[in-house]
């Protein structure tokens, strides 16, 4: 299930590799304010391993069918590349920012940027004013704020009388404290811009899911962007595989084969060739981690779980209703047969036929 083969039409040969990985990275920016390497908690390792095992059995069974079988044809279509379908499904998510602002070019223009920043400043100012009036009362709020257009009292009965400004009118203290609001507003805008500039990408969400599924080997980390000698964007680099078992075998086999993982900036996630597979000493491949994952997720066979009903009956992955185990199915097939009569008939038939050579 985890092999990739390529045909060379010129050389007329076929090369195959197994356990091929994919290089992926995630970023941590501005001292961790943006962390796109954080693990997600919505992924189930147990469900993933169940799916791997179930698909393996299904693939083996269906692949054994004759190539002309209609079911096999449908299955092969189903398991074909789905990259385009996945892209279509994720468009609304990937383009969420564009959907909100109605496009990126207009938002990037100076006029739109000024309008956006002004709106944020005014909103923050009004929020602080509302909080001050609710906690300390109208008198305290009016000593800090005034109505922007008229300079009148900012609050009456706890309700803002219009867009607010610091100071102005009777708000003498506001003029003194104005620099605090300016500093805080700038800080908020910077934080918003950081989140926009270093927004996490779809591939990074996929990487975090892969890490949760134990599919990834960390190659290392490196600084991707510096300002005045200070690293403002750090990237973690990984090789991610199709299953935990593929990753474990890669980690165990590479030292034997003298294969490196490359560098954090240029990871080498290639598969193992068929020639290299023959050079591996499989007695030195430690699968304790894989057995531990099977035990952790309830997939490690035990004496109680390995029985004919679980293997071939109701517990089978092929059970789509009330599947009987092989013993019951065999009994049902021969249940109506008179074994003694069949034996006697066979004996009579054999006696009636001349022996060879007579």
Protein backbone atom coordinates (compact mmCIF):
# COMPACT_ATOMS: atom_id res chain seq x y z
CA UNK A 1 0.00 0.00 0.00
CA UNK A 2 2.95 2.35 0.52
CA UNK A 3 4.94 1.85 -2.68
CA UNK A 4 5.53 4.15 -5.64
CA UNK A 5 6.75 2.86 -9.02
CA UNK A 6 7.85 4.76 -12.11
CA UNK A 7 8.18 3.49 -15.67
CA UNK A 8 11.18 4.57 -17.74
CA UNK A 9 9.98 4.23 -21.34
CA UNK A 10 13.44 4.94 -22.76
CA UNK A 11 15.35 2.43 -20.62
CA UNK A 12 12.33 0.13 -20.54
CA UNK A 13 12.65 -0.57 -16.85
CA UNK A 14 10.57 0.02 -13.74
CA UNK A 15 11.90 1.48 -10.49
CA UNK A 16 10.02 1.30 -7.21
CA UNK A 17 10.46 2.87 -3.78
CA UNK A 18 8.60 2.26 -0.54
CA UNK A 19 7.79 4.45 2.48
CA UNK A 20 8.26 7.74 0.59
CA UNK A 21 7.75 10.91 2.61
CA UNK A 22 6.95 14.54 1.98
CA UNK A 23 8.95 17.54 3.22
CA UNK A 24 6.83 19.98 5.25
CA UNK A 25 7.51 23.02 7.42
CA UNK A 26 5.68 25.21 9.92
CA UNK A 27 6.54 28.65 11.30
CA UNK A 28 6.84 30.38 14.64
CA UNK A 29 6.98 34.15 14.28
CA UNK A 30 7.84 37.14 16.46
CA UNK A 31 8.81 35.22 19.57
CA UNK A 32 5.87 32.83 19.41
CA UNK A 33 3.07 35.39 18.95
CA UNK A 34 2.21 33.31 15.87
CA UNK A 35 2.73 29.56 16.34
CA UNK A 36 1.69 27.50 13.34
CA UNK A 37 3.48 24.43 14.75
CA UNK A 38 1.04 24.02 17.64
CA UNK A 39 -0.62 20.61 17.74
CA UNK A 40 -4.32 20.25 17.14
CA UNK A 41 -6.54 18.21 19.47
CA UNK A 42 -9.17 17.24 16.88
CA UNK A 43 -7.28 14.28 15.39
CA UNK A 44 -7.82 10.68 16.51
CA UNK A 45 -4.79 8.40 16.23
CA UNK A 46 -6.97 5.38 17.04
CA UNK A 47 -9.40 6.14 14.22
CA UNK A 48 -6.50 6.68 11.80
CA UNK A 49 -4.88 3.33 12.59
CA UNK A 50 -8.30 1.64 12.33
CA UNK A 51 -8.66 3.18 8.88
CA UNK A 52 -5.17 2.03 7.81
CA UNK A 53 -5.86 -1.55 8.89
CA UNK A 54 -9.36 -1.63 7.38
CA UNK A 55 -8.23 -0.20 4.05
CA UNK A 56 -5.38 -2.71 3.97
CA UNK A 57 -7.79 -5.63 4.27
CA UNK A 58 -10.19 -4.09 1.79
CA UNK A 59 -7.41 -3.39 -0.69
CA UNK A 60 -6.10 -6.96 -0.47
CA UNK A 61 -9.55 -8.46 -0.95
CA UNK A 62 -10.64 -6.23 -3.82
CA UNK A 63 -7.28 -6.44 -5.60
CA UNK A 64 -7.65 -10.23 -5.66
CA UNK A 65 -10.71 -9.87 -7.86
CA UNK A 66 -10.42 -10.33 -11.59
CA UNK A 67 -9.52 -7.11 -13.44
CA UNK A 68 -12.73 -7.28 -15.44
CA UNK A 69 -14.81 -7.26 -12.26
CA UNK A 70 -17.02 -4.14 -12.11
CA UNK A 71 -16.41 -3.66 -8.37
CA UNK A 72 -12.67 -3.57 -8.84
CA UNK A 73 -12.99 -0.97 -11.57
CA UNK A 74 -15.13 1.24 -9.34
CA UNK A 75 -12.75 0.83 -6.42
CA UNK A 76 -9.71 1.80 -8.47
CA UNK A 77 -11.52 4.94 -9.61
CA UNK A 78 -12.39 5.76 -6.02
CA UNK A 79 -8.80 5.36 -4.83
CA UNK A 80 -7.36 7.50 -7.64
CA UNK A 81 -5.81 10.95 -7.09
CA UNK A 82 -8.11 13.34 -5.20
CA UNK A 83 -5.87 16.40 -5.13
CA UNK A 84 -8.23 18.46 -7.29
CA UNK A 85 -11.26 17.46 -5.23
CA UNK A 86 -9.45 18.34 -1.99
CA UNK A 87 -8.53 21.73 -3.40
CA UNK A 88 -12.14 22.45 -4.34
CA UNK A 89 -13.39 21.40 -0.90
CA UNK A 90 -10.91 23.67 0.89
CA UNK A 91 -11.35 26.78 -1.25
CA UNK A 92 -13.81 28.48 1.15
CA UNK A 93 -11.39 27.87 4.04
CA UNK A 94 -8.23 28.91 2.22
CA UNK A 95 -9.85 32.02 0.82
CA UNK A 96 -11.55 33.05 4.05
CA UNK A 97 -9.56 36.31 4.27
CA UNK A 98 -10.52 37.25 0.71
CA UNK A 99 -14.17 36.43 1.39
CA UNK A 100 -14.20 38.79 4.39
CA UNK A 101 -12.56 41.76 2.70
CA UNK A 102 -13.84 41.20 -0.83
CA UNK A 103 -10.36 40.89 -2.31
CA UNK A 104 -6.76 41.62 -1.43
CA UNK A 105 -5.72 44.41 -3.81
CA UNK A 106 -8.23 46.93 -2.55
CA UNK A 107 -7.34 46.18 1.08
CA UNK A 108 -3.68 46.78 0.31
CA UNK A 109 -4.31 50.27 -1.05
CA UNK A 110 -3.37 53.28 1.10
CA UNK A 111 -6.90 54.61 1.31
CA UNK A 112 -8.37 51.33 2.44
CA UNK A 113 -5.56 50.80 4.95
CA UNK A 114 -6.12 54.24 6.50
CA UNK A 115 -9.85 53.62 6.74
CA UNK A 116 -9.25 50.23 8.35
CA UNK A 117 -6.79 51.58 10.93
CA UNK A 118 -9.03 54.54 11.74
CA UNK A 119 -11.96 52.21 12.29
CA UNK A 120 -9.92 50.02 14.65
CA UNK A 121 -8.74 53.06 16.63
CA UNK A 122 -12.25 54.41 17.04
CA UNK A 123 -13.67 51.02 18.03
CA UNK A 124 -10.97 50.50 20.67
CA UNK A 125 -11.50 54.01 22.02
CA UNK A 126 -15.26 53.53 22.36
CA UNK A 127 -14.80 50.14 24.04
CA UNK A 128 -12.47 51.62 26.67
CA UNK A 129 -14.90 54.50 27.21
CA UNK A 130 -17.85 52.11 27.70
CA UNK A 131 -15.85 50.03 30.18
CA UNK A 132 -14.80 53.14 32.15
CA UNK A 133 -18.39 54.40 32.37
CA UNK A 134 -19.74 51.02 33.48
CA UNK A 135 -17.06 50.45 36.14
CA UNK A 136 -16.42 53.98 37.48
CA UNK A 137 -19.51 55.89 36.40
CA UNK A 138 -20.29 58.82 34.09
CA UNK A 139 -18.23 61.38 36.03
CA UNK A 140 -15.01 59.41 35.75
CA UNK A 141 -15.63 58.60 32.08
CA UNK A 142 -16.39 62.25 31.24
CA UNK A 143 -13.12 63.33 32.87
CA UNK A 144 -11.27 61.19 30.33
CA UNK A 145 -13.43 61.34 27.19
CA UNK A 146 -15.56 63.78 25.25
CA UNK A 147 -17.66 63.54 22.09
CA UNK A 148 -15.29 63.89 19.15
CA UNK A 149 -17.36 66.29 17.06
CA UNK A 150 -18.73 68.63 19.76
CA UNK A 151 -16.43 68.28 22.78
CA UNK A 152 -19.53 67.68 24.92
CA UNK A 153 -19.95 65.14 27.72
CA UNK A 154 -19.13 61.67 26.51
CA UNK A 155 -21.59 59.70 28.68
CA UNK A 156 -25.08 60.29 30.03
CA UNK A 157 -26.65 57.48 32.01
CA UNK A 158 -23.82 55.16 31.02
CA UNK A 159 -24.50 55.62 27.29
CA UNK A 160 -21.97 57.11 24.88
CA UNK A 161 -23.27 60.24 23.15
CA UNK A 162 -21.29 59.69 19.96
CA UNK A 163 -17.83 58.78 18.66
CA UNK A 164 -15.37 59.48 21.48
CA UNK A 165 -12.06 61.29 21.73
CA UNK A 166 -9.54 61.51 24.55
CA UNK A 167 -9.58 64.89 26.23
CA UNK A 168 -11.39 67.90 24.81
CA UNK A 169 -14.18 69.88 26.48
CA UNK A 170 -14.24 69.12 30.20
CA UNK A 171 -12.08 65.97 29.85
CA UNK A 172 -8.88 67.59 31.14
CA UNK A 173 -7.31 64.32 32.34
CA UNK A 174 -7.79 62.77 28.93
CA UNK A 175 -5.32 65.15 27.38
CA UNK A 176 -2.64 64.03 29.82
CA UNK A 177 -3.34 60.32 29.30
CA UNK A 178 -3.64 60.51 25.53
CA UNK A 179 -0.21 58.98 24.91
CA UNK A 180 -1.31 55.77 26.72
CA UNK A 181 -4.23 55.23 24.33
CA UNK A 182 -2.02 55.98 21.32
CA UNK A 183 0.57 53.43 22.49
CA UNK A 184 -2.07 50.82 23.21
CA UNK A 185 -3.79 51.38 19.84
CA UNK A 186 -0.49 51.04 17.98
CA UNK A 187 0.22 47.84 19.90
CA UNK A 188 -3.17 46.38 18.96
CA UNK A 189 -2.70 47.29 15.29
CA UNK A 190 0.79 45.74 15.25
CA UNK A 191 -0.61 42.53 16.77
CA UNK A 192 -3.35 42.41 14.14
CA UNK A 193 -0.84 42.96 11.34
CA UNK A 194 1.42 40.21 12.72
CA UNK A 195 -1.49 37.79 12.66
CA UNK A 196 -2.26 38.78 9.06
CA UNK A 197 1.34 38.73 7.77
CA UNK A 198 2.25 35.43 9.42
CA UNK A 199 -1.15 33.75 9.09
CA UNK A 200 -1.02 29.94 9.26
CA UNK A 201 -1.47 28.19 5.92
CA UNK A 202 -3.45 25.08 4.96
CA UNK A 203 -0.26 23.02 4.64
CA UNK A 204 0.67 23.88 8.23
CA UNK A 205 -2.70 22.67 9.55
CA UNK A 206 -2.13 19.46 7.59
CA UNK A 207 1.36 19.11 9.11
CA UNK A 208 -0.02 19.49 12.64
CA UNK A 209 -2.58 16.77 11.94
CA UNK A 210 0.18 14.54 10.56
CA UNK A 211 2.27 15.14 13.70
CA UNK A 212 -0.67 14.11 15.88
CA UNK A 213 -0.95 10.92 13.83
CA UNK A 214 2.72 10.10 14.56
CA UNK A 215 3.56 10.22 10.84
CA UNK A 216 6.34 12.83 10.96
CA UNK A 217 10.07 12.83 11.71
CA UNK A 218 11.49 16.22 12.74
CA UNK A 219 14.58 17.06 10.70
CA UNK A 220 15.41 20.27 12.55
CA UNK A 221 14.72 24.01 12.58
CA UNK A 222 16.18 27.13 11.01
CA UNK A 223 15.71 30.89 10.88
CA UNK A 224 13.76 31.91 7.82
CA UNK A 225 13.76 35.69 8.34
CA UNK A 226 15.93 38.15 10.30
CA UNK A 227 15.64 41.86 11.07
CA UNK A 228 18.73 43.67 12.40
CA UNK A 229 20.29 40.32 13.22
CA UNK A 230 17.27 39.11 15.20
CA UNK A 231 15.32 36.08 13.97
CA UNK A 232 11.66 37.03 13.58
CA UNK A 233 10.49 33.88 11.80
CA UNK A 234 11.69 30.40 12.74
CA UNK A 235 10.67 27.27 10.82
CA UNK A 236 10.48 23.66 11.96
CA UNK A 237 11.19 21.10 9.25
CA UNK A 238 9.70 17.57 9.01
CA UNK A 239 9.51 14.50 6.78
CA UNK A 240 5.94 13.18 6.94
CA UNK A 241 4.91 9.69 5.80
CA UNK A 242 1.67 7.86 5.08
CA UNK A 243 1.55 5.95 8.37
CA UNK A 244 3.36 5.69 11.72
CA UNK A 245 4.78 2.32 10.59
CA UNK A 246 6.31 3.89 7.45
CA UNK A 247 7.95 6.60 9.56
CA UNK A 248 9.26 4.08 12.13
CA UNK A 249 10.81 1.83 9.45
CA UNK A 250 12.42 4.87 7.80
CA UNK A 251 13.91 5.97 11.14
CA UNK A 252 15.20 2.43 11.83
CA UNK A 253 16.48 1.65 8.32
CA UNK A 254 18.26 4.89 7.37
CA UNK A 255 21.18 4.44 9.80
CA UNK A 256 21.76 0.93 8.39
CA UNK A 257 21.71 2.22 4.81
CA UNK A 258 23.83 5.30 5.54
CA UNK A 259 21.04 7.64 4.47
CA UNK A 260 20.73 11.11 6.01
CA UNK A 261 17.63 13.25 6.47
CA UNK A 262 19.22 16.16 4.62
CA UNK A 263 19.22 19.61 6.20
CA UNK A 264 16.35 21.51 7.86
CA UNK A 265 16.18 23.82 4.84
CA UNK A 266 16.35 20.92 2.34
CA UNK A 267 15.00 17.72 3.96
CA UNK A 268 15.59 14.42 2.15
CA UNK A 269 12.32 12.50 2.50
CA UNK A 270 12.86 10.03 -0.33
CA UNK A 271 11.59 6.48 -0.26
CA UNK A 272 13.71 3.35 0.13
CA UNK A 273 14.51 1.59 -3.15
CA UNK A 274 13.92 -2.11 -3.73
CA UNK A 275 17.71 -2.67 -3.85
CA UNK A 276 18.12 -0.95 -0.48
CA UNK A 277 15.27 -3.00 1.00
CA UNK A 278 17.32 -6.14 0.32
CA UNK A 279 20.26 -4.70 2.29
CA UNK A 280 18.25 -4.07 5.46
CA UNK A 281 18.89 -6.39 8.42
CA UNK A 282 15.27 -6.73 9.54
CA UNK A 283 16.31 -8.39 12.80
CA UNK A 284 17.69 -4.97 13.79
CA UNK A 285 14.46 -3.10 12.99
CA UNK A 286 12.79 -2.28 16.32
CA UNK A 287 9.01 -2.12 16.01
CA UNK A 288 8.31 -1.61 19.72
CA UNK A 289 6.87 1.85 19.06
CA UNK A 290 4.45 0.47 16.45
CA UNK A 291 3.36 -2.32 18.82
CA UNK A 292 2.93 0.30 21.54
CA UNK A 293 0.70 2.41 19.25
CA UNK A 294 -1.39 -0.67 18.42
CA UNK A 295 -1.77 -1.42 22.12
CA UNK A 296 -2.53 2.23 22.98
CA UNK A 297 -5.29 2.41 20.36
CA UNK A 298 -6.77 -1.03 21.08
CA UNK A 299 -5.51 -2.73 17.89
CA UNK A 300 -2.97 -5.16 19.34
CA UNK A 301 -4.37 -8.69 19.07
CA UNK A 302 -4.85 -10.67 22.28
CA UNK A 303 -5.96 -14.20 23.08
CA UNK A 304 -9.46 -12.95 23.82
CA UNK A 305 -9.73 -10.85 20.66
CA UNK A 306 -8.30 -13.40 18.22
CA UNK A 307 -11.26 -15.66 17.63
CA UNK A 308 -13.13 -16.87 14.59
CA UNK A 309 -16.04 -14.46 15.09
CA UNK A 310 -13.83 -11.36 15.30
CA UNK A 311 -11.70 -12.48 12.35
CA UNK A 312 -14.39 -13.69 9.95
CA UNK A 313 -17.78 -12.84 11.45
CA UNK A 314 -19.41 -9.83 13.11
CA UNK A 315 -16.02 -8.36 14.10
CA UNK A 316 -14.66 -8.39 10.56
CA UNK A 317 -14.12 -5.16 8.59
CA UNK A 318 -16.30 -6.72 5.90
CA UNK A 319 -19.31 -7.02 8.19
CA UNK A 320 -22.04 -4.84 6.70
CA UNK A 321 -24.94 -6.34 8.57
CA UNK A 322 -25.18 -9.70 10.29
CA UNK A 323 -22.09 -11.48 8.97
CA UNK A 324 -21.72 -15.07 10.16
CA UNK A 325 -18.26 -16.47 10.85
CA UNK A 326 -16.72 -19.06 8.53
CA UNK A 327 -17.78 -22.01 10.67
CA UNK A 328 -21.44 -21.02 10.63
CA UNK A 329 -21.30 -20.23 6.92
CA UNK A 330 -19.79 -23.63 6.17
CA UNK A 331 -22.43 -25.35 8.31
CA UNK A 332 -25.17 -23.43 6.50
CA UNK A 333 -23.81 -24.52 3.11
CA UNK A 334 -23.67 -28.22 4.02
CA UNK A 335 -26.53 -28.24 6.52
CA UNK A 336 -29.06 -29.70 4.07
CA UNK A 337 -26.74 -32.35 2.68
CA UNK A 338 -27.27 -36.04 3.64
CA UNK A 339 -23.62 -36.94 4.11
CA UNK A 340 -24.22 -40.69 4.46
CA UNK A 341 -26.31 -40.82 1.29
CA UNK A 342 -23.74 -38.77 -0.61
CA UNK A 343 -21.00 -41.18 0.50
CA UNK A 344 -23.03 -44.22 -0.56
CA UNK A 345 -23.85 -42.66 -3.94
CA UNK A 346 -20.20 -41.89 -4.53
CA UNK A 347 -19.22 -45.45 -3.64
CA UNK A 348 -21.84 -46.90 -5.98
CA UNK A 349 -20.68 -44.62 -8.78
CA UNK A 350 -17.06 -45.63 -8.34
CA UNK A 351 -17.91 -49.33 -8.37
CA UNK A 352 -19.85 -48.95 -11.58
CA UNK A 353 -16.88 -47.43 -13.43
CA UNK A 354 -14.27 -49.83 -14.91
CA UNK A 355 -10.80 -49.51 -13.45
CA UNK A 356 -8.11 -47.98 -15.72
CA UNK A 357 -6.51 -50.56 -18.00
CA UNK A 358 -9.48 -52.95 -17.85
